[in-house]
Amino acid sequence: MIFEETLVFYNPSDAENFMRQLFAQGYRAKMKKINTLVNEAHCKAKISDLKLYFADVLKDAKDDAGNGEVAEEVSETYSSIIADIDTVIADLKEFLSARDDCAVISDDPDVKRFLEIMKKEGMAENAPTDGAAASDGNDDFFSRMLRIMLVLNDNGMIEDLAGKDGDNGEDAEKILHKKDIPVEDLIMSMPSDLFLGGNSQKNRREHNIKTVVNVVSGAEYHVTTPIEYSISANFDKLDRMVADYDIDPASYTKMKENIVAKTIIAKNILACIKNGGKTTVDEIYEVMNSASVDLSSGTDEFMFDLSREFIAAVMSEMKVMGIIKGKGNRFRV
């Protein structure tokens, strides 16, 4: 249906609540569950190989860019990545040198503080991250501890011992198992979007960097609004309705854009019938494709390139909604 719109939710409860809100306003929406696959990629290698990769990329980029603004930006970007890797190396060395092998690090003040932030933020402890930090003033501490814990986990250096109830409750323990290798030889993961460029694959292979793609199954919940909703939608109200829901922002933007465009089309069809005496699909098709529409703001203009079949479908749905009347190929208000 032309006037139907679909909004994508990632949480079934949010989708159901949205449908209830619409029902309370007199609209019956439909929901369909769509199974999806999401690819999450990251690159991993020895820390020393990662650092060498970015040092080589920095050198090549400088040689290609020469002097000027571009060279400066490229230099700053890769120099910052290399500095971050140096920080990870230093933090790991400090953390490991201050703790004994087989230490119960879940009792460690820094680890306890880190785990409390993780719990507060609702994050999965071993989940890949792009470096997002906590939002309570612990940003630097959290981000640095997160990278330490991720490296230790990636290298099998943390053993999780279940609590008395056989789960990861309050009495669960984390045991540190140190390795007799340099910190620089530990494996570390980094976001795959840092490894871009024309020679990225060749350079990664030369530096023993592996790309790991996690294919994760998931679900989307598509809520489709009835045709009459588009004509009467209030965006301020709609914004408030979805403010706390986990939705696909692109689908929400598209929904609002479609509502605006289709409402303009419907209003202009109505004006053609009311004021212009144009009553057939062919007559309205000619008018709609020979004129532009200025919005009241005076800053926006819509140009339409619509097929006759589309115009016919719009008018058919307007008839179903009771906006216009008609018989055969002739319509009236």
C-alpha atoms as a PDB file:
ATOM      1  CA  MET A   1       0.000   0.000   0.000  1.00  0.00           C
ATOM      2  CA  ILE A   2       1.308   3.447  -0.950  1.00  0.00           C
ATOM      3  CA  PHE A   3       0.464   5.201   2.321  1.00  0.00           C
ATOM      4  CA  GLU A   4       1.731   2.430   4.590  1.00  0.00           C
ATOM      5  CA  GLU A   5       5.021   3.177   6.338  1.00  0.00           C
ATOM      6  CA  THR A   6       7.374   0.791   8.114  1.00  0.00           C
ATOM      7  CA  LEU A   7       9.491   1.566  11.160  1.00  0.00           C
ATOM      8  CA  VAL A   8      12.223  -0.895  12.175  1.00  0.00           C
ATOM      9  CA  PHE A   9      12.645  -1.814  15.856  1.00  0.00           C
ATOM     10  CA  TYR A  10      15.415  -3.897  17.407  1.00  0.00           C
ATOM     11  CA  ASN A  11      13.449  -4.754  20.537  1.00  0.00           C
ATOM     12  CA  PRO A  12      10.107  -6.624  20.352  1.00  0.00           C
ATOM     13  CA  SER A  13       8.789  -4.922  23.501  1.00  0.00           C
ATOM     14  CA  ASP A  14       9.447  -1.491  21.996  1.00  0.00           C
ATOM     15  CA  ALA A  15       7.621  -2.513  18.815  1.00  0.00           C
ATOM     16  CA  GLU A  16       4.628  -3.806  20.776  1.00  0.00           C
ATOM     17  CA  ASN A  17       4.485  -0.678  22.950  1.00  0.00           C
ATOM     18  CA  PHE A  18       4.575   1.525  19.850  1.00  0.00           C
ATOM     19  CA  MET A  19       1.689  -0.446  18.372  1.00  0.00           C
ATOM     20  CA  ARG A  20      -0.284   0.017  21.606  1.00  0.00           C
ATOM     21  CA  GLN A  21       0.297   3.764  21.441  1.00  0.00           C
ATOM     22  CA  LEU A  22      -0.975   3.828  17.871  1.00  0.00           C
ATOM     23  CA  PHE A  23      -3.999   1.709  18.810  1.00  0.00           C
ATOM     24  CA  ALA A  24      -4.856   4.169  21.589  1.00  0.00           C
ATOM     25  CA  GLN A  25      -4.954   6.855  18.865  1.00  0.00           C
ATOM     26  CA  GLY A  26      -7.233   4.741  16.684  1.00  0.00           C
ATOM     27  CA  TYR A  27      -4.662   3.162  14.352  1.00  0.00           C
ATOM     28  CA  ARG A  28      -4.149  -0.577  13.903  1.00  0.00           C
ATOM     29  CA  ALA A  29      -0.541  -1.324  12.989  1.00  0.00           C
ATOM     30  CA  LYS A  30       0.998  -4.647  11.960  1.00  0.00           C
ATOM     31  CA  MET A  31       4.276  -6.179  13.115  1.00  0.00           C
ATOM     32  CA  LYS A  32       6.509  -8.658  11.316  1.00  0.00           C
ATOM     33  CA  LYS A  33       9.656 -10.281  12.714  1.00  0.00           C
ATOM     34  CA  ILE A  34      12.565 -10.362  10.264  1.00  0.00           C
ATOM     35  CA  ASN A  35      15.550 -12.636  10.995  1.00  0.00           C
ATOM     36  CA  THR A  36      18.846 -10.945  10.165  1.00  0.00           C
ATOM     37  CA  LEU A  37      22.581 -11.536  10.078  1.00  0.00           C
ATOM     38  CA  VAL A  38      25.047  -8.897  11.256  1.00  0.00           C
ATOM     39  CA  ASN A  39      28.735  -9.008  10.356  1.00  0.00           C
ATOM     40  CA  GLU A  40      31.063  -7.652  13.032  1.00  0.00           C
ATOM     41  CA  ALA A  41      34.676  -7.452  11.865  1.00  0.00           C
ATOM     42  CA  HIS A  42      37.906  -6.761  13.713  1.00  0.00           C
ATOM     43  CA  CYS A  43      41.592  -7.299  13.021  1.00  0.00           C
ATOM     44  CA  LYS A  44      43.986  -9.035  15.397  1.00  0.00           C
ATOM     45  CA  ALA A  45      47.723  -9.666  15.590  1.00  0.00           C
ATOM     46  CA  LYS A  46      50.661  -9.359  17.933  1.00  0.00           C
ATOM     47  CA  ILE A  47      50.818  -5.866  19.399  1.00  0.00           C
ATOM     48  CA  SER A  48      54.293  -5.380  17.903  1.00  0.00           C
ATOM     49  CA  ASP A  49      53.002  -6.329  14.423  1.00  0.00           C
ATOM     50  CA  LEU A  50      50.074  -3.934  14.744  1.00  0.00           C
ATOM     51  CA  LYS A  51      52.403  -1.093  15.698  1.00  0.00           C
ATOM     52  CA  LEU A  52      54.776  -1.898  12.839  1.00  0.00           C
ATOM     53  CA  TYR A  53      51.847  -2.033  10.385  1.00  0.00           C
ATOM     54  CA  PHE A  54      50.717   1.480  11.281  1.00  0.00           C
ATOM     55  CA  ALA A  55      54.299   2.782  11.277  1.00  0.00           C
ATOM     56  CA  ASP A  56      54.733   1.468   7.717  1.00  0.00           C
ATOM     57  CA  VAL A  57      51.348   2.829   6.630  1.00  0.00           C
ATOM     58  CA  LEU A  58      52.307   6.212   8.106  1.00  0.00           C
ATOM     59  CA  LYS A  59      55.578   6.226   6.163  1.00  0.00           C
ATOM     60  CA  ASP A  60      53.849   5.240   2.902  1.00  0.00           C
ATOM     61  CA  ALA A  61      51.110   7.825   3.398  1.00  0.00           C
ATOM     62  CA  LYS A  62      53.666  10.576   3.982  1.00  0.00           C
ATOM     63  CA  ASP A  63      55.570   9.563   0.860  1.00  0.00           C
ATOM     64  CA  ASP A  64      52.357   9.572  -1.218  1.00  0.00           C
ATOM     65  CA  ALA A  65      50.875  12.767   0.185  1.00  0.00           C
ATOM     66  CA  GLY A  66      54.037  14.853   0.208  1.00  0.00           C
ATOM     67  CA  ASN A  67      53.670  18.109   2.101  1.00  0.00           C
ATOM     68  CA  GLY A  68      50.609  20.153   2.919  1.00  0.00           C
ATOM     69  CA  GLU A  69      47.302  19.758   4.743  1.00  0.00           C
ATOM     70  CA  VAL A  70      46.566  16.188   3.611  1.00  0.00           C
ATOM     71  CA  ALA A  71      49.986  14.964   4.703  1.00  0.00           C
ATOM     72  CA  GLU A  72      49.546  16.633   8.066  1.00  0.00           C
ATOM     73  CA  GLU A  73      46.125  15.063   8.636  1.00  0.00           C
ATOM     74  CA  VAL A  74      47.350  11.598   7.617  1.00  0.00           C
ATOM     75  CA  SER A  75      50.377  11.970   9.853  1.00  0.00           C
ATOM     76  CA  GLU A  76      48.240  13.015  12.830  1.00  0.00           C
ATOM     77  CA  THR A  77      45.800  10.123  12.345  1.00  0.00           C
ATOM     78  CA  TYR A  78      48.362   7.330  12.195  1.00  0.00           C
ATOM     79  CA  SER A  79      50.640   8.931  14.767  1.00  0.00           C
ATOM     80  CA  SER A  80      47.672   8.991  17.157  1.00  0.00           C
ATOM     81  CA  ILE A  81      46.980   5.280  16.556  1.00  0.00           C
ATOM     82  CA  ILE A  82      50.630   4.423  17.193  1.00  0.00           C
ATOM     83  CA  ALA A  83      50.576   6.509  20.390  1.00  0.00           C
ATOM     84  CA  ASP A  84      47.462   4.635  21.529  1.00  0.00           C
ATOM     85  CA  ILE A  85      49.219   1.309  20.969  1.00  0.00           C
ATOM     86  CA  ASP A  86      52.209   2.557  22.991  1.00  0.00           C
ATOM     87  CA  THR A  87      49.792   3.479  25.792  1.00  0.00           C
ATOM     88  CA  VAL A  88      48.307  -0.029  25.750  1.00  0.00           C
ATOM     89  CA  ILE A  89      51.802  -1.554  25.939  1.00  0.00           C
ATOM     90  CA  ALA A  90      52.729   0.683  28.889  1.00  0.00           C
ATOM     91  CA  ASP A  91      49.440   0.014  30.699  1.00  0.00           C
ATOM     92  CA  LEU A  92      49.774  -3.754  30.239  1.00  0.00           C
ATOM     93  CA  LYS A  93      53.346  -3.730  31.539  1.00  0.00           C
ATOM     94  CA  GLU A  94      52.341  -1.702  34.587  1.00  0.00           C
ATOM     95  CA  PHE A  95      49.297  -3.879  35.301  1.00  0.00           C
ATOM     96  CA  LEU A  96      51.145  -7.191  34.973  1.00  0.00           C
ATOM     97  CA  SER A  97      54.259  -6.115  36.881  1.00  0.00           C
ATOM     98  CA  ALA A  98      52.132  -5.061  39.861  1.00  0.00           C
ATOM     99  CA  ARG A  99      50.280  -8.394  40.129  1.00  0.00           C
ATOM    100  CA  ASP A 100      51.427 -11.951  40.803  1.00  0.00           C
ATOM    101  CA  ASP A 101      50.728 -14.979  38.680  1.00  0.00           C
ATOM    102  CA  CYS A 102      47.504 -16.742  39.776  1.00  0.00           C
ATOM    103  CA  ALA A 103      46.379 -13.620  41.636  1.00  0.00           C
ATOM    104  CA  VAL A 104      42.650 -13.266  42.260  1.00  0.00           C
ATOM    105  CA  ILE A 105      42.268 -10.053  40.285  1.00  0.00           C
ATOM    106  CA  SER A 106      38.519  -9.829  40.885  1.00  0.00           C
ATOM    107  CA  ASP A 107      39.582  -8.619  44.360  1.00  0.00           C
ATOM    108  CA  ASP A 108      41.927  -6.036  42.854  1.00  0.00           C
ATOM    109  CA  PRO A 109      40.679  -2.451  43.500  1.00  0.00           C
ATOM    110  CA  ASP A 110      41.177  -1.347  39.867  1.00  0.00           C
ATOM    111  CA  VAL A 111      39.507  -4.452  38.444  1.00  0.00           C
ATOM    112  CA  LYS A 112      36.615  -4.177  40.897  1.00  0.00           C
ATOM    113  CA  ARG A 113      36.095  -0.543  39.941  1.00  0.00           C
ATOM    114  CA  PHE A 114      36.205  -1.474  36.256  1.00  0.00           C
ATOM    115  CA  LEU A 115      33.694  -4.311  36.675  1.00  0.00           C
ATOM    116  CA  GLU A 116      31.348  -2.040  38.618  1.00  0.00           C
ATOM    117  CA  ILE A 117      31.360   0.458  35.729  1.00  0.00           C
ATOM    118  CA  MET A 118      30.746  -2.389  33.264  1.00  0.00           C
ATOM    119  CA  LYS A 119      27.772  -3.537  35.304  1.00  0.00           C
ATOM    120  CA  LYS A 120      26.419  -0.010  35.620  1.00  0.00           C
ATOM    121  CA  GLU A 121      26.724   0.604  31.875  1.00  0.00           C
ATOM    122  CA  GLY A 122      25.156  -2.777  31.051  1.00  0.00           C
ATOM    123  CA  MET A 123      28.097  -3.871  28.883  1.00  0.00           C
ATOM    124  CA  ALA A 124      29.185  -7.426  28.140  1.00  0.00           C
ATOM    125  CA  GLU A 125      32.623  -7.885  29.640  1.00  0.00           C
ATOM    126  CA  ASN A 126      34.214  -9.676  26.689  1.00  0.00           C
ATOM    127  CA  ALA A 127      32.305  -7.850  23.955  1.00  0.00           C
ATOM    128  CA  PRO A 128      34.315  -6.218  21.164  1.00  0.00           C
ATOM    129  CA  THR A 129      34.351  -2.459  21.543  1.00  0.00           C
ATOM    130  CA  ASP A 130      35.329   0.559  19.506  1.00  0.00           C
ATOM    131  CA  GLY A 131      36.723   2.214  22.598  1.00  0.00           C
ATOM    132  CA  ALA A 132      33.468   3.652  23.919  1.00  0.00           C
ATOM    133  CA  ALA A 133      33.955   4.817  27.465  1.00  0.00           C
ATOM    134  CA  ALA A 134      31.785   5.146  30.503  1.00  0.00           C
ATOM    135  CA  SER A 135      29.767   8.306  30.921  1.00  0.00           C
ATOM    136  CA  ASP A 136      30.257   8.998  34.628  1.00  0.00           C
ATOM    137  CA  GLY A 137      33.585  10.816  34.752  1.00  0.00           C
ATOM    138  CA  ASN A 138      35.638   7.583  34.641  1.00  0.00           C
ATOM    139  CA  ASP A 139      36.263   7.813  30.897  1.00  0.00           C
ATOM    140  CA  ASP A 140      40.064   7.593  30.849  1.00  0.00           C
ATOM    141  CA  PHE A 141      40.292   4.958  33.582  1.00  0.00           C
ATOM    142  CA  PHE A 142      37.545   2.870  32.015  1.00  0.00           C
ATOM    143  CA  SER A 143      38.851   2.960  28.437  1.00  0.00           C
ATOM    144  CA  ARG A 144      42.380   2.025  29.513  1.00  0.00           C
ATOM    145  CA  MET A 145      41.223  -0.787  31.796  1.00  0.00           C
ATOM    146  CA  LEU A 146      38.892  -2.037  29.092  1.00  0.00           C
ATOM    147  CA  ARG A 147      41.775  -2.415  26.644  1.00  0.00           C
ATOM    148  CA  ILE A 148      43.864  -4.204  29.293  1.00  0.00           C
ATOM    149  CA  MET A 149      41.084  -6.654  30.099  1.00  0.00           C
ATOM    150  CA  LEU A 150      40.298  -7.300  26.431  1.00  0.00           C
ATOM    151  CA  VAL A 151      43.946  -8.129  25.666  1.00  0.00           C
ATOM    152  CA  LEU A 152      44.188 -10.415  28.708  1.00  0.00           C
ATOM    153  CA  ASN A 153      40.978 -12.185  27.693  1.00  0.00           C
ATOM    154  CA  ASP A 154      42.082 -12.522  24.057  1.00  0.00           C
ATOM    155  CA  ASN A 155      45.263 -14.241  25.244  1.00  0.00           C
ATOM    156  CA  GLY A 156      43.581 -16.622  27.683  1.00  0.00           C
ATOM    157  CA  MET A 157      45.204 -14.930  30.670  1.00  0.00           C
ATOM    158  CA  ILE A 158      42.040 -14.580  32.733  1.00  0.00           C
ATOM    159  CA  GLU A 159      40.288 -17.643  34.147  1.00  0.00           C
ATOM    160  CA  ASP A 160      36.733 -17.213  35.333  1.00  0.00           C
ATOM    161  CA  LEU A 161      35.867 -19.412  38.303  1.00  0.00           C
ATOM    162  CA  ALA A 162      32.158 -19.828  38.964  1.00  0.00           C
ATOM    163  CA  GLY A 163      30.743 -18.947  42.360  1.00  0.00           C
ATOM    164  CA  LYS A 164      29.071 -21.267  44.835  1.00  0.00           C
ATOM    165  CA  ASP A 165      25.922 -21.391  42.770  1.00  0.00           C
ATOM    166  CA  GLY A 166      27.842 -22.333  39.631  1.00  0.00           C
ATOM    167  CA  ASP A 167      27.382 -18.954  37.997  1.00  0.00           C
ATOM    168  CA  ASN A 168      29.151 -15.596  37.684  1.00  0.00           C
ATOM    169  CA  GLY A 169      27.491 -14.099  40.739  1.00  0.00           C
ATOM    170  CA  GLU A 170      28.948 -11.958  43.513  1.00  0.00           C
ATOM    171  CA  ASP A 171      31.342 -14.700  44.713  1.00  0.00           C
ATOM    172  CA  ALA A 172      32.726 -15.585  41.253  1.00  0.00           C
ATOM    173  CA  GLU A 173      36.478 -15.085  40.884  1.00  0.00           C
ATOM    174  CA  LYS A 174      38.864 -14.013  38.136  1.00  0.00           C
ATOM    175  CA  ILE A 175      42.323 -15.554  38.203  1.00  0.00           C
ATOM    176  CA  LEU A 176      45.258 -13.950  36.365  1.00  0.00           C
ATOM    177  CA  HIS A 177      47.578 -16.330  34.487  1.00  0.00           C
ATOM    178  CA  LYS A 178      50.703 -14.480  33.412  1.00  0.00           C
ATOM    179  CA  LYS A 179      52.673 -15.592  30.354  1.00  0.00           C
ATOM    180  CA  ASP A 180      56.430 -15.688  30.064  1.00  0.00           C
ATOM    181  CA  ILE A 181      56.474 -13.618  26.882  1.00  0.00           C
ATOM    182  CA  PRO A 182      56.990  -9.913  26.183  1.00  0.00           C
ATOM    183  CA  VAL A 183      53.860  -7.778  26.305  1.00  0.00           C
ATOM    184  CA  GLU A 184      54.511  -6.792  22.693  1.00  0.00           C
ATOM    185  CA  ASP A 185      53.970 -10.436  21.663  1.00  0.00           C
ATOM    186  CA  LEU A 186      50.460 -10.588  23.103  1.00  0.00           C
ATOM    187  CA  ILE A 187      47.565 -10.677  20.641  1.00  0.00           C
ATOM    188  CA  MET A 188      45.372  -7.577  20.427  1.00  0.00           C
ATOM    189  CA  SER A 189      42.247  -6.792  18.418  1.00  0.00           C
ATOM    190  CA  MET A 190      41.513  -3.463  16.752  1.00  0.00           C
ATOM    191  CA  PRO A 191      38.502  -2.144  14.749  1.00  0.00           C
ATOM    192  CA  SER A 192      38.656  -3.299  11.128  1.00  0.00           C
ATOM    193  CA  ASP A 193      37.829   0.182   9.797  1.00  0.00           C
ATOM    194  CA  LEU A 194      41.311   1.328  10.842  1.00  0.00           C
ATOM    195  CA  PHE A 195      42.790  -1.043   8.268  1.00  0.00           C
ATOM    196  CA  LEU A 196      41.606   0.565   5.070  1.00  0.00           C
ATOM    197  CA  GLY A 197      43.411   1.728   1.960  1.00  0.00           C
ATOM    198  CA  GLY A 198      44.468   0.455  -1.408  1.00  0.00           C
ATOM    199  CA  ASN A 199      47.223  -1.882  -0.143  1.00  0.00           C
ATOM    200  CA  SER A 200      45.554  -2.800   3.126  1.00  0.00           C
ATOM    201  CA  GLN A 201      45.121  -6.513   2.403  1.00  0.00           C
ATOM    202  CA  LYS A 202      48.717  -6.915   1.192  1.00  0.00           C
ATOM    203  CA  ASN A 203      50.060  -4.919   4.143  1.00  0.00           C
ATOM    204  CA  ARG A 204      47.993  -6.902   6.638  1.00  0.00           C
ATOM    205  CA  ARG A 205      49.259 -10.179   5.203  1.00  0.00           C
ATOM    206  CA  GLU A 206      52.864  -8.975   5.406  1.00  0.00           C
ATOM    207  CA  HIS A 207      52.371  -8.059   9.074  1.00  0.00           C
ATOM    208  CA  ASN A 208      50.540 -11.270  10.013  1.00  0.00           C
ATOM    209  CA  ILE A 209      47.320  -9.428  10.763  1.00  0.00           C
ATOM    210  CA  LYS A 210      44.172 -11.528  10.566  1.00  0.00           C
ATOM    211  CA  THR A 211      40.683 -10.160   9.950  1.00  0.00           C
ATOM    212  CA  VAL A 212      38.047 -11.920  12.034  1.00  0.00           C
ATOM    213  CA  VAL A 213      34.411 -11.618  10.983  1.00  0.00           C
ATOM    214  CA  ASN A 214      31.803 -12.592  13.559  1.00  0.00           C
ATOM    215  CA  VAL A 215      28.506 -13.396  11.876  1.00  0.00           C
ATOM    216  CA  VAL A 216      25.805 -12.821  14.467  1.00  0.00           C
ATOM    217  CA  SER A 217      22.160 -13.765  14.055  1.00  0.00           C
ATOM    218  CA  GLY A 218      19.601 -11.238  15.152  1.00  0.00           C
ATOM    219  CA  ALA A 219      16.093 -10.012  14.532  1.00  0.00           C
ATOM    220  CA  GLU A 220      14.311  -6.835  13.487  1.00  0.00           C
ATOM    221  CA  TYR A 221      10.693  -6.039  14.203  1.00  0.00           C
ATOM    222  CA  HIS A 222       9.016  -4.154  11.361  1.00  0.00           C
ATOM    223  CA  VAL A 223       5.952  -2.182  12.406  1.00  0.00           C
ATOM    224  CA  THR A 224       3.795  -1.068   9.488  1.00  0.00           C
ATOM    225  CA  THR A 225       1.373   1.779  10.059  1.00  0.00           C
ATOM    226  CA  PRO A 226      -2.091   1.821   8.399  1.00  0.00           C
ATOM    227  CA  ILE A 227      -2.647   4.012   5.346  1.00  0.00           C
ATOM    228  CA  GLU A 228      -4.633   6.684   7.222  1.00  0.00           C
ATOM    229  CA  TYR A 229      -1.756   7.345   9.650  1.00  0.00           C
ATOM    230  CA  SER A 230       0.441   9.071   7.045  1.00  0.00           C
ATOM    231  CA  ILE A 231      -2.178  11.734   6.364  1.00  0.00           C
ATOM    232  CA  SER A 232      -2.591  12.698  10.019  1.00  0.00           C
ATOM    233  CA  ALA A 233       0.860  12.040  11.523  1.00  0.00           C
ATOM    234  CA  ASN A 234       2.185  14.674  13.939  1.00  0.00           C
ATOM    235  CA  PHE A 235       5.986  14.602  13.933  1.00  0.00           C
ATOM    236  CA  ASP A 236       6.418  16.252  17.341  1.00  0.00           C
ATOM    237  CA  LYS A 237       4.152  13.637  18.867  1.00  0.00           C
ATOM    238  CA  LEU A 238       5.834  10.858  16.899  1.00  0.00           C
ATOM    239  CA  ASP A 239       9.276  12.001  18.086  1.00  0.00           C
ATOM    240  CA  ARG A 240       8.120  11.801  21.694  1.00  0.00           C
ATOM    241  CA  MET A 241       6.596   8.361  21.130  1.00  0.00           C
ATOM    242  CA  VAL A 242       9.820   6.786  19.819  1.00  0.00           C
ATOM    243  CA  ALA A 243      12.315   8.790  21.907  1.00  0.00           C
ATOM    244  CA  ASP A 244      13.146   5.914  24.259  1.00  0.00           C
ATOM    245  CA  TYR A 245      12.836   3.076  21.759  1.00  0.00           C
ATOM    246  CA  ASP A 246      15.659   1.146  20.102  1.00  0.00           C
ATOM    247  CA  ILE A 247      14.863   1.868  16.462  1.00  0.00           C
ATOM    248  CA  ASP A 248      16.751   1.943  13.192  1.00  0.00           C
ATOM    249  CA  PRO A 249      17.362   5.690  12.702  1.00  0.00           C
ATOM    250  CA  ALA A 250      17.568   5.339   8.906  1.00  0.00           C
ATOM    251  CA  SER A 251      14.112   3.739   8.772  1.00  0.00           C
ATOM    252  CA  TYR A 252      12.718   6.508  10.983  1.00  0.00           C
ATOM    253  CA  THR A 253      14.187   9.235   8.761  1.00  0.00           C
ATOM    254  CA  LYS A 254      12.831   7.484   5.674  1.00  0.00           C
ATOM    255  CA  MET A 255       9.402   7.120   7.275  1.00  0.00           C
ATOM    256  CA  LYS A 256       9.185  10.850   7.997  1.00  0.00           C
ATOM    257  CA  GLU A 257      10.465  11.800   4.542  1.00  0.00           C
ATOM    258  CA  ASN A 258       7.887   9.521   2.925  1.00  0.00           C
ATOM    259  CA  ILE A 259       5.073  10.936   5.038  1.00  0.00           C
ATOM    260  CA  VAL A 260       5.999  14.492   4.029  1.00  0.00           C
ATOM    261  CA  ALA A 261       6.207  13.640   0.320  1.00  0.00           C
ATOM    262  CA  LYS A 262       3.026  11.560   0.231  1.00  0.00           C
ATOM    263  CA  THR A 263       1.064  14.161   2.183  1.00  0.00           C
ATOM    264  CA  ILE A 264       2.115  16.816  -0.361  1.00  0.00           C
ATOM    265  CA  ILE A 265       1.079  14.529  -3.208  1.00  0.00           C
ATOM    266  CA  ALA A 266      -2.323  13.860  -1.611  1.00  0.00           C
ATOM    267  CA  LYS A 267      -2.941  17.563  -0.934  1.00  0.00           C
ATOM    268  CA  ASN A 268      -2.082  18.482  -4.522  1.00  0.00           C
ATOM    269  CA  ILE A 269      -4.333  15.779  -5.930  1.00  0.00           C
ATOM    270  CA  LEU A 270      -7.114  17.098  -3.703  1.00  0.00           C
ATOM    271  CA  ALA A 271      -6.449  20.658  -4.936  1.00  0.00           C
ATOM    272  CA  CYS A 272      -6.554  19.484  -8.555  1.00  0.00           C
ATOM    273  CA  ILE A 273      -9.978  17.966  -8.020  1.00  0.00           C
ATOM    274  CA  LYS A 274     -11.359  20.819  -5.871  1.00  0.00           C
ATOM    275  CA  ASN A 275     -10.093  23.860  -7.711  1.00  0.00           C
ATOM    276  CA  GLY A 276      -9.023  22.739 -11.141  1.00  0.00           C
ATOM    277  CA  GLY A 277     -11.873  20.509 -12.107  1.00  0.00           C
ATOM    278  CA  LYS A 278      -9.391  17.780 -12.967  1.00  0.00           C
ATOM    279  CA  THR A 279     -11.206  14.545 -12.251  1.00  0.00           C
ATOM    280  CA  THR A 280      -9.477  11.704 -14.103  1.00  0.00           C
ATOM    281  CA  VAL A 281      -6.224   9.917 -13.310  1.00  0.00           C
ATOM    282  CA  ASP A 282      -4.764  11.043 -16.655  1.00  0.00           C
ATOM    283  CA  GLU A 283      -5.589  14.709 -16.016  1.00  0.00           C
ATOM    284  CA  ILE A 284      -4.126  14.679 -12.517  1.00  0.00           C
ATOM    285  CA  TYR A 285      -1.068  12.757 -13.758  1.00  0.00           C
ATOM    286  CA  GLU A 286      -0.339  15.528 -16.257  1.00  0.00           C
ATOM    287  CA  VAL A 287      -0.690  18.293 -13.653  1.00  0.00           C
ATOM    288  CA  MET A 288       1.419  16.525 -11.016  1.00  0.00           C
ATOM    289  CA  ASN A 289       4.312  15.983 -13.401  1.00  0.00           C
ATOM    290  CA  SER A 290       4.344  19.488 -14.881  1.00  0.00           C
ATOM    291  CA  ALA A 291       4.637  21.586 -11.734  1.00  0.00           C
ATOM    292  CA  SER A 292       6.834  21.950  -8.672  1.00  0.00           C
ATOM    293  CA  VAL A 293       5.577  22.459  -5.139  1.00  0.00           C
ATOM    294  CA  ASP A 294       6.946  25.165  -2.828  1.00  0.00           C
ATOM    295  CA  LEU A 295       6.593  24.576   0.897  1.00  0.00           C
ATOM    296  CA  SER A 296       5.330  27.281   3.243  1.00  0.00           C
ATOM    297  CA  SER A 297       8.861  27.767   4.582  1.00  0.00           C
ATOM    298  CA  GLY A 298       9.843  29.207   1.212  1.00  0.00           C
ATOM    299  CA  THR A 299      13.181  27.398   1.321  1.00  0.00           C
ATOM    300  CA  ASP A 300      12.152  23.960   0.038  1.00  0.00           C
ATOM    301  CA  GLU A 301      10.756  22.854  -3.282  1.00  0.00           C
ATOM    302  CA  PHE A 302       9.490  19.421  -4.358  1.00  0.00           C
ATOM    303  CA  MET A 303       9.759  18.211  -7.945  1.00  0.00           C
ATOM    304  CA  PHE A 304       7.776  15.081  -8.759  1.00  0.00           C
ATOM    305  CA  ASP A 305       8.419  12.451 -11.413  1.00  0.00           C
ATOM    306  CA  LEU A 306       5.583  10.011 -10.763  1.00  0.00           C
ATOM    307  CA  SER A 307       4.217   7.226 -12.940  1.00  0.00           C
ATOM    308  CA  ARG A 308       0.561   7.083 -13.920  1.00  0.00           C
ATOM    309  CA  GLU A 309       0.269   3.777 -12.042  1.00  0.00           C
ATOM    310  CA  PHE A 310       1.571   5.411  -8.864  1.00  0.00           C
ATOM    311  CA  ILE A 311      -0.909   8.311  -9.154  1.00  0.00           C
ATOM    312  CA  ALA A 312      -3.715   5.801  -9.716  1.00  0.00           C
ATOM    313  CA  ALA A 313      -2.692   3.809  -6.623  1.00  0.00           C
ATOM    314  CA  VAL A 314      -2.527   6.985  -4.500  1.00  0.00           C
ATOM    315  CA  MET A 315      -5.987   8.061  -5.622  1.00  0.00           C
ATOM    316  CA  SER A 316      -7.366   4.583  -4.985  1.00  0.00           C
ATOM    317  CA  GLU A 317      -6.093   4.668  -1.391  1.00  0.00           C
ATOM    318  CA  MET A 318      -7.385   8.230  -0.916  1.00  0.00           C
ATOM    319  CA  LYS A 319     -10.778   6.886  -1.980  1.00  0.00           C
ATOM    320  CA  VAL A 320     -10.508   4.046   0.585  1.00  0.00           C
ATOM    321  CA  MET A 321      -9.716   6.629   3.295  1.00  0.00           C
ATOM    322  CA  GLY A 322     -12.765   8.680   2.286  1.00  0.00           C
ATOM    323  CA  ILE A 323     -10.726  11.710   1.247  1.00  0.00           C
ATOM    324  CA  ILE A 324     -12.095  11.607  -2.295  1.00  0.00           C
ATOM    325  CA  LYS A 325     -14.976   9.795  -3.979  1.00  0.00           C
ATOM    326  CA  GLY A 326     -15.164   8.293  -7.394  1.00  0.00           C
ATOM    327  CA  LYS A 327     -16.518   5.807  -9.844  1.00  0.00           C
ATOM    328  CA  GLY A 328     -14.493   4.237 -12.604  1.00  0.00           C
ATOM    329  CA  ASN A 329     -11.818   6.667 -13.744  1.00  0.00           C
ATOM    330  CA  ARG A 330     -13.516   9.853 -12.480  1.00  0.00           C
ATOM    331  CA  PHE A 331     -13.089  11.298  -9.016  1.00  0.00           C
ATOM    332  CA  ARG A 332     -14.626  14.058  -6.938  1.00  0.00           C
ATOM    333  CA  VAL A 333     -14.393  15.473  -3.425  1.00  0.00           C
END
